[in-house]
Amino acid sequence: VAGVAGSVVALWTFYPIEVWKTTAQAGSCSTKQKPLFHGCGIKTLHTASSSFCYFFLYSCIFSAWTHNEPKKKVSTMARLILSAVAAMLNTMVTLPLDVMSSKLLTEGDKQGNQNPMDAVWHELVEG
């Protein structure tokens, strides 16, 4: 919970920079500025789910690794490898939310909806 809370607070603190960076990388900077927290809801959902998913996966992988010997000392290298595996699985699970948040920032709301989350919902349901 602390990891998720810390991730979300950091996201909200630096989100305007994230909006600027993402739109600049996509080459979609225009004279019409987006609100500073445009798309923050879906990005918050992505950040929270990614943090939770990573810690959950790492716990599961670590438990499976030490299943036969619960008191077994695990080396630093083994922990790094287990962390890398958890991070790769986490990316596979949460990447769609990251793609949707980036798409929302760079393309905007083509449906004319007032709420950016409506566009994300539309993207999820109708693809």
N, C-alpha and C. Protein backbone atom coordinates (compact mmCIF):
# COMPACT_ATOMS: atom_id res chain seq x y z
N VAL A 1 0.83 -1.19 0.00
CA VAL A 1 0.00 0.00 0.00
C VAL A 1 0.87 1.25 0.00
N ALA A 2 1.96 1.22 0.79
CA ALA A 2 2.85 2.38 0.84
C ALA A 2 3.52 2.62 -0.51
N GLY A 3 3.89 1.56 -1.19
CA GLY A 3 4.50 1.70 -2.51
C GLY A 3 3.53 2.29 -3.52
N VAL A 4 2.28 1.84 -3.48
CA VAL A 4 1.26 2.37 -4.38
C VAL A 4 1.00 3.84 -4.07
N ALA A 5 0.86 4.17 -2.79
CA ALA A 5 0.61 5.56 -2.39
C ALA A 5 1.76 6.47 -2.81
N GLY A 6 2.99 6.02 -2.59
CA GLY A 6 4.15 6.81 -3.00
C GLY A 6 4.20 7.02 -4.50
N SER A 7 3.87 5.99 -5.26
CA SER A 7 3.86 6.09 -6.72
C SER A 7 2.82 7.09 -7.21
N VAL A 8 1.65 7.04 -6.60
CA VAL A 8 0.57 7.94 -7.01
C VAL A 8 0.89 9.39 -6.66
N VAL A 9 1.44 9.63 -5.46
CA VAL A 9 1.81 11.00 -5.07
C VAL A 9 2.89 11.54 -6.01
N ALA A 10 3.87 10.72 -6.34
CA ALA A 10 4.92 11.14 -7.27
C ALA A 10 4.33 11.44 -8.65
N LEU A 11 3.39 10.62 -9.10
CA LEU A 11 2.74 10.85 -10.39
C LEU A 11 2.03 12.19 -10.40
N TRP A 12 1.21 12.45 -9.37
CA TRP A 12 0.45 13.70 -9.32
C TRP A 12 1.38 14.91 -9.24
N THR A 13 2.51 14.75 -8.56
CA THR A 13 3.45 15.86 -8.42
C THR A 13 4.08 16.23 -9.77
N PHE A 14 4.44 15.24 -10.55
CA PHE A 14 5.15 15.48 -11.80
C PHE A 14 4.29 15.29 -13.04
N TYR A 15 2.98 15.13 -12.89
CA TYR A 15 2.13 14.83 -14.03
C TYR A 15 2.16 15.91 -15.12
N PRO A 16 2.15 17.20 -14.78
CA PRO A 16 2.23 18.20 -15.86
C PRO A 16 3.49 18.03 -16.74
N ILE A 17 4.59 17.63 -16.14
CA ILE A 17 5.81 17.38 -16.91
C ILE A 17 5.61 16.15 -17.81
N GLU A 18 4.92 15.15 -17.30
CA GLU A 18 4.62 13.94 -18.09
C GLU A 18 3.77 14.29 -19.31
N VAL A 19 2.77 15.17 -19.12
CA VAL A 19 1.92 15.60 -20.24
C VAL A 19 2.76 16.30 -21.29
N TRP A 20 3.62 17.21 -20.87
CA TRP A 20 4.47 17.94 -21.80
C TRP A 20 5.41 16.97 -22.54
N LYS A 21 6.05 16.08 -21.80
CA LYS A 21 7.01 15.13 -22.39
C LYS A 21 6.33 14.22 -23.42
N THR A 22 5.18 13.67 -23.06
CA THR A 22 4.49 12.73 -23.94
C THR A 22 4.02 13.42 -25.21
N THR A 23 3.44 14.61 -25.08
CA THR A 23 2.97 15.30 -26.28
C THR A 23 4.13 15.77 -27.15
N ALA A 24 5.25 16.16 -26.53
CA ALA A 24 6.42 16.57 -27.29
C ALA A 24 7.02 15.37 -28.04
N GLN A 25 7.10 14.22 -27.39
CA GLN A 25 7.65 13.03 -28.04
C GLN A 25 6.77 12.58 -29.20
N ALA A 26 5.47 12.75 -29.05
CA ALA A 26 4.55 12.32 -30.11
C ALA A 26 4.48 13.34 -31.24
N GLY A 27 5.08 14.50 -31.02
CA GLY A 27 5.04 15.55 -32.04
C GLY A 27 3.66 16.15 -32.18
N SER A 28 2.87 16.06 -31.10
CA SER A 28 1.50 16.58 -31.19
C SER A 28 1.33 17.87 -30.40
N CYS A 29 2.42 18.60 -30.20
CA CYS A 29 2.32 19.89 -29.53
C CYS A 29 1.58 20.84 -30.45
N SER A 30 0.60 21.50 -29.93
CA SER A 30 -0.16 22.44 -30.75
C SER A 30 -0.30 23.75 -29.99
N THR A 31 -0.91 24.72 -30.63
CA THR A 31 -1.12 26.00 -29.98
C THR A 31 -2.18 25.87 -28.90
N LYS A 32 -3.05 24.88 -29.03
CA LYS A 32 -4.08 24.66 -28.02
C LYS A 32 -3.50 23.76 -26.92
N GLN A 33 -3.30 24.32 -25.74
CA GLN A 33 -2.73 23.57 -24.63
C GLN A 33 -3.79 22.70 -23.97
N LYS A 34 -3.41 21.51 -23.59
CA LYS A 34 -4.29 20.63 -22.83
C LYS A 34 -4.21 21.05 -21.37
N PRO A 35 -5.27 20.79 -20.59
CA PRO A 35 -5.18 21.07 -19.15
C PRO A 35 -4.01 20.30 -18.53
N LEU A 36 -3.45 20.86 -17.47
CA LEU A 36 -2.27 20.24 -16.85
C LEU A 36 -2.51 18.81 -16.41
N PHE A 37 -3.72 18.48 -16.00
CA PHE A 37 -3.99 17.13 -15.50
C PHE A 37 -4.89 16.35 -16.45
N HIS A 38 -4.81 16.66 -17.75
CA HIS A 38 -5.58 15.95 -18.77
C HIS A 38 -5.15 14.48 -18.80
N GLY A 39 -6.09 13.57 -18.59
CA GLY A 39 -5.79 12.15 -18.63
C GLY A 39 -5.18 11.59 -17.35
N CYS A 40 -5.19 12.39 -16.29
CA CYS A 40 -4.55 11.96 -15.04
C CYS A 40 -5.24 10.73 -14.44
N GLY A 41 -6.54 10.60 -14.65
CA GLY A 41 -7.27 9.48 -14.07
C GLY A 41 -6.76 8.13 -14.56
N ILE A 42 -6.62 8.00 -15.88
CA ILE A 42 -6.16 6.72 -16.43
C ILE A 42 -4.70 6.48 -16.08
N LYS A 43 -3.90 7.54 -16.03
CA LYS A 43 -2.48 7.38 -15.66
C LYS A 43 -2.37 6.98 -14.19
N THR A 44 -3.24 7.52 -13.33
CA THR A 44 -3.25 7.12 -11.92
C THR A 44 -3.63 5.65 -11.79
N LEU A 45 -4.63 5.24 -12.56
CA LEU A 45 -5.04 3.83 -12.56
C LEU A 45 -3.88 2.95 -13.01
N HIS A 46 -3.17 3.36 -14.05
CA HIS A 46 -2.03 2.60 -14.53
C HIS A 46 -0.94 2.52 -13.47
N THR A 47 -0.59 3.64 -12.86
CA THR A 47 0.48 3.67 -11.87
C THR A 47 0.14 2.81 -10.66
N ALA A 48 -1.08 2.95 -10.14
CA ALA A 48 -1.48 2.17 -8.96
C ALA A 48 -1.52 0.68 -9.28
N SER A 49 -2.10 0.33 -10.43
CA SER A 49 -2.19 -1.09 -10.77
C SER A 49 -0.81 -1.68 -11.06
N SER A 50 0.06 -0.89 -11.67
CA SER A 50 1.40 -1.37 -11.97
C SER A 50 2.20 -1.62 -10.68
N SER A 51 2.12 -0.69 -9.75
CA SER A 51 2.83 -0.87 -8.47
C SER A 51 2.30 -2.08 -7.72
N PHE A 52 0.98 -2.19 -7.63
CA PHE A 52 0.37 -3.32 -6.94
C PHE A 52 0.75 -4.63 -7.62
N CYS A 53 0.63 -4.64 -8.93
CA CYS A 53 0.91 -5.86 -9.70
C CYS A 53 2.36 -6.30 -9.52
N TYR A 54 3.29 -5.36 -9.56
CA TYR A 54 4.70 -5.70 -9.41
C TYR A 54 4.97 -6.33 -8.04
N PHE A 55 4.49 -5.68 -6.98
CA PHE A 55 4.74 -6.21 -5.63
C PHE A 55 4.05 -7.55 -5.43
N PHE A 56 2.85 -7.70 -5.98
CA PHE A 56 2.13 -8.97 -5.87
C PHE A 56 2.89 -10.08 -6.61
N LEU A 57 3.30 -9.78 -7.84
CA LEU A 57 4.04 -10.78 -8.63
C LEU A 57 5.36 -11.14 -7.98
N TYR A 58 6.07 -10.14 -7.47
CA TYR A 58 7.35 -10.42 -6.81
C TYR A 58 7.13 -11.32 -5.60
N SER A 59 6.09 -11.04 -4.81
CA SER A 59 5.80 -11.89 -3.64
C SER A 59 5.51 -13.32 -4.06
N CYS A 60 4.71 -13.48 -5.09
CA CYS A 60 4.37 -14.83 -5.57
C CYS A 60 5.60 -15.56 -6.08
N ILE A 61 6.41 -14.87 -6.87
CA ILE A 61 7.61 -15.50 -7.42
C ILE A 61 8.60 -15.85 -6.31
N PHE A 62 8.77 -14.93 -5.36
CA PHE A 62 9.70 -15.17 -4.26
C PHE A 62 9.21 -16.34 -3.40
N SER A 63 7.91 -16.39 -3.14
CA SER A 63 7.35 -17.51 -2.36
C SER A 63 7.54 -18.84 -3.08
N ALA A 64 7.33 -18.84 -4.38
CA ALA A 64 7.53 -20.07 -5.16
C ALA A 64 9.01 -20.48 -5.15
N TRP A 65 9.91 -19.51 -5.21
CA TRP A 65 11.35 -19.77 -5.21
C TRP A 65 11.79 -20.41 -3.90
N THR A 66 11.21 -19.96 -2.79
CA THR A 66 11.61 -20.45 -1.47
C THR A 66 10.60 -21.44 -0.89
N HIS A 67 9.73 -21.98 -1.71
CA HIS A 67 8.65 -22.85 -1.23
C HIS A 67 9.16 -24.06 -0.45
N ASN A 68 10.14 -24.74 -0.96
CA ASN A 68 10.64 -25.95 -0.31
C ASN A 68 11.48 -25.65 0.92
N GLU A 69 12.13 -24.50 0.93
CA GLU A 69 12.98 -24.11 2.05
C GLU A 69 12.64 -22.67 2.47
N PRO A 70 11.59 -22.49 3.28
CA PRO A 70 11.16 -21.14 3.65
C PRO A 70 12.24 -20.30 4.34
N LYS A 71 13.16 -20.92 5.06
CA LYS A 71 14.21 -20.18 5.77
C LYS A 71 15.47 -20.01 4.91
N LYS A 72 15.39 -20.46 3.66
CA LYS A 72 16.53 -20.43 2.75
C LYS A 72 17.02 -18.99 2.53
N LYS A 73 18.33 -18.81 2.59
CA LYS A 73 18.93 -17.50 2.31
C LYS A 73 18.98 -17.33 0.80
N VAL A 74 18.43 -16.23 0.32
CA VAL A 74 18.39 -15.95 -1.11
C VAL A 74 19.45 -14.89 -1.41
N SER A 75 20.31 -15.19 -2.37
CA SER A 75 21.40 -14.27 -2.71
C SER A 75 20.86 -12.99 -3.36
N THR A 76 21.70 -11.99 -3.37
CA THR A 76 21.34 -10.72 -4.00
C THR A 76 21.10 -10.91 -5.49
N MET A 77 21.92 -11.70 -6.14
CA MET A 77 21.75 -11.94 -7.58
C MET A 77 20.42 -12.63 -7.86
N ALA A 78 20.06 -13.61 -7.03
CA ALA A 78 18.77 -14.30 -7.21
C ALA A 78 17.61 -13.32 -7.03
N ARG A 79 17.71 -12.44 -6.03
CA ARG A 79 16.65 -11.43 -5.81
C ARG A 79 16.54 -10.49 -7.01
N LEU A 80 17.67 -10.10 -7.58
CA LEU A 80 17.65 -9.24 -8.77
C LEU A 80 16.99 -9.93 -9.95
N ILE A 81 17.27 -11.20 -10.12
CA ILE A 81 16.66 -11.96 -11.22
C ILE A 81 15.16 -12.11 -10.99
N LEU A 82 14.76 -12.42 -9.75
CA LEU A 82 13.34 -12.54 -9.43
C LEU A 82 12.62 -11.20 -9.64
N SER A 83 13.28 -10.10 -9.28
CA SER A 83 12.71 -8.77 -9.49
C SER A 83 12.53 -8.48 -10.98
N ALA A 84 13.52 -8.85 -11.77
CA ALA A 84 13.45 -8.63 -13.22
C ALA A 84 12.29 -9.43 -13.83
N VAL A 85 12.12 -10.65 -13.39
CA VAL A 85 11.01 -11.48 -13.90
C VAL A 85 9.67 -10.84 -13.52
N ALA A 86 9.56 -10.39 -12.26
CA ALA A 86 8.32 -9.74 -11.82
C ALA A 86 8.07 -8.46 -12.62
N ALA A 87 9.11 -7.70 -12.91
CA ALA A 87 8.96 -6.47 -13.69
C ALA A 87 8.52 -6.77 -15.12
N MET A 88 9.07 -7.82 -15.73
CA MET A 88 8.67 -8.19 -17.09
C MET A 88 7.20 -8.62 -17.13
N LEU A 89 6.79 -9.44 -16.17
CA LEU A 89 5.39 -9.88 -16.12
C LEU A 89 4.47 -8.69 -15.86
N ASN A 90 4.90 -7.80 -14.98
CA ASN A 90 4.12 -6.60 -14.67
C ASN A 90 3.91 -5.77 -15.93
N THR A 91 4.95 -5.59 -16.71
CA THR A 91 4.83 -4.81 -17.95
C THR A 91 3.85 -5.45 -18.90
N MET A 92 3.90 -6.77 -19.02
CA MET A 92 2.97 -7.47 -19.91
C MET A 92 1.52 -7.27 -19.47
N VAL A 93 1.29 -7.21 -18.17
CA VAL A 93 -0.08 -7.08 -17.65
C VAL A 93 -0.59 -5.65 -17.74
N THR A 94 0.25 -4.67 -17.41
CA THR A 94 -0.22 -3.29 -17.29
C THR A 94 0.08 -2.40 -18.49
N LEU A 95 0.76 -2.91 -19.49
CA LEU A 95 1.08 -2.09 -20.67
C LEU A 95 -0.15 -1.52 -21.38
N PRO A 96 -1.25 -2.25 -21.50
CA PRO A 96 -2.41 -1.65 -22.17
C PRO A 96 -2.89 -0.35 -21.53
N LEU A 97 -2.84 -0.25 -20.20
CA LEU A 97 -3.24 1.00 -19.55
C LEU A 97 -2.27 2.12 -19.88
N ASP A 98 -0.99 1.82 -19.96
CA ASP A 98 0.00 2.83 -20.30
C ASP A 98 -0.20 3.32 -21.73
N VAL A 99 -0.48 2.41 -22.63
CA VAL A 99 -0.72 2.78 -24.03
C VAL A 99 -1.97 3.65 -24.13
N MET A 100 -3.03 3.29 -23.42
CA MET A 100 -4.25 4.08 -23.47
C MET A 100 -4.03 5.48 -22.91
N SER A 101 -3.26 5.61 -21.82
CA SER A 101 -3.03 6.94 -21.26
C SER A 101 -2.20 7.79 -22.21
N SER A 102 -1.21 7.20 -22.86
CA SER A 102 -0.40 7.95 -23.83
C SER A 102 -1.25 8.35 -25.04
N LYS A 103 -2.09 7.44 -25.47
CA LYS A 103 -2.96 7.73 -26.62
C LYS A 103 -3.93 8.86 -26.29
N LEU A 104 -4.46 8.85 -25.09
CA LEU A 104 -5.37 9.89 -24.67
C LEU A 104 -4.67 11.25 -24.65
N LEU A 105 -3.43 11.27 -24.19
CA LEU A 105 -2.67 12.53 -24.15
C LEU A 105 -2.32 13.04 -25.54
N THR A 106 -1.95 12.15 -26.43
CA THR A 106 -1.46 12.60 -27.73
C THR A 106 -2.57 12.82 -28.76
N GLU A 107 -3.63 12.03 -28.72
CA GLU A 107 -4.69 12.17 -29.71
C GLU A 107 -5.86 12.98 -29.21
N GLY A 108 -6.01 13.06 -27.90
CA GLY A 108 -7.16 13.77 -27.37
C GLY A 108 -8.41 12.92 -27.48
N ASP A 109 -9.50 13.55 -27.24
CA ASP A 109 -10.78 12.87 -27.22
C ASP A 109 -11.49 13.08 -28.55
N LYS A 110 -11.41 12.09 -29.44
CA LYS A 110 -12.03 12.19 -30.76
C LYS A 110 -13.55 12.06 -30.71
N GLN A 111 -14.06 11.55 -29.61
CA GLN A 111 -15.50 11.32 -29.52
C GLN A 111 -16.25 12.58 -29.10
N GLY A 112 -15.54 13.62 -28.70
CA GLY A 112 -16.20 14.85 -28.27
C GLY A 112 -16.73 14.77 -26.85
N ASN A 113 -16.31 13.79 -26.09
CA ASN A 113 -16.76 13.65 -24.71
C ASN A 113 -16.10 14.70 -23.83
N GLN A 114 -16.81 15.14 -22.81
CA GLN A 114 -16.26 16.10 -21.87
C GLN A 114 -15.30 15.43 -20.90
N ASN A 115 -15.56 14.20 -20.55
CA ASN A 115 -14.75 13.48 -19.57
C ASN A 115 -13.74 12.60 -20.31
N PRO A 116 -12.42 12.80 -20.05
CA PRO A 116 -11.42 11.98 -20.74
C PRO A 116 -11.58 10.49 -20.46
N MET A 117 -12.14 10.13 -19.31
CA MET A 117 -12.33 8.71 -19.00
C MET A 117 -13.37 8.08 -19.92
N ASP A 118 -14.30 8.88 -20.45
CA ASP A 118 -15.27 8.36 -21.41
C ASP A 118 -14.57 7.87 -22.68
N ALA A 119 -13.56 8.63 -23.11
CA ALA A 119 -12.81 8.22 -24.29
C ALA A 119 -12.06 6.91 -24.04
N VAL A 120 -11.50 6.77 -22.84
CA VAL A 120 -10.79 5.54 -22.49
C VAL A 120 -11.77 4.38 -22.46
N TRP A 121 -12.93 4.59 -21.85
CA TRP A 121 -13.95 3.54 -21.80
C TRP A 121 -14.37 3.15 -23.21
N HIS A 122 -14.57 4.15 -24.06
CA HIS A 122 -14.93 3.90 -25.46
C HIS A 122 -13.85 3.06 -26.14
N GLU A 123 -12.57 3.38 -25.88
CA GLU A 123 -11.45 2.65 -26.46
C GLU A 123 -11.43 1.21 -25.97
N LEU A 124 -11.73 0.99 -24.67
CA LEU A 124 -11.75 -0.36 -24.11
C LEU A 124 -12.86 -1.20 -24.69
N VAL A 125 -14.05 -0.63 -24.76
CA VAL A 125 -15.23 -1.38 -25.18
C VAL A 125 -15.25 -1.61 -26.69
N GLU A 126 -15.01 -0.56 -27.45
CA GLU A 126 -15.17 -0.66 -28.90
C GLU A 126 -13.85 -0.85 -29.65
N GLY A 127 -12.74 -0.69 -28.93
CA GLY A 127 -11.43 -0.92 -29.52
C GLY A 127 -11.11 0.04 -30.58
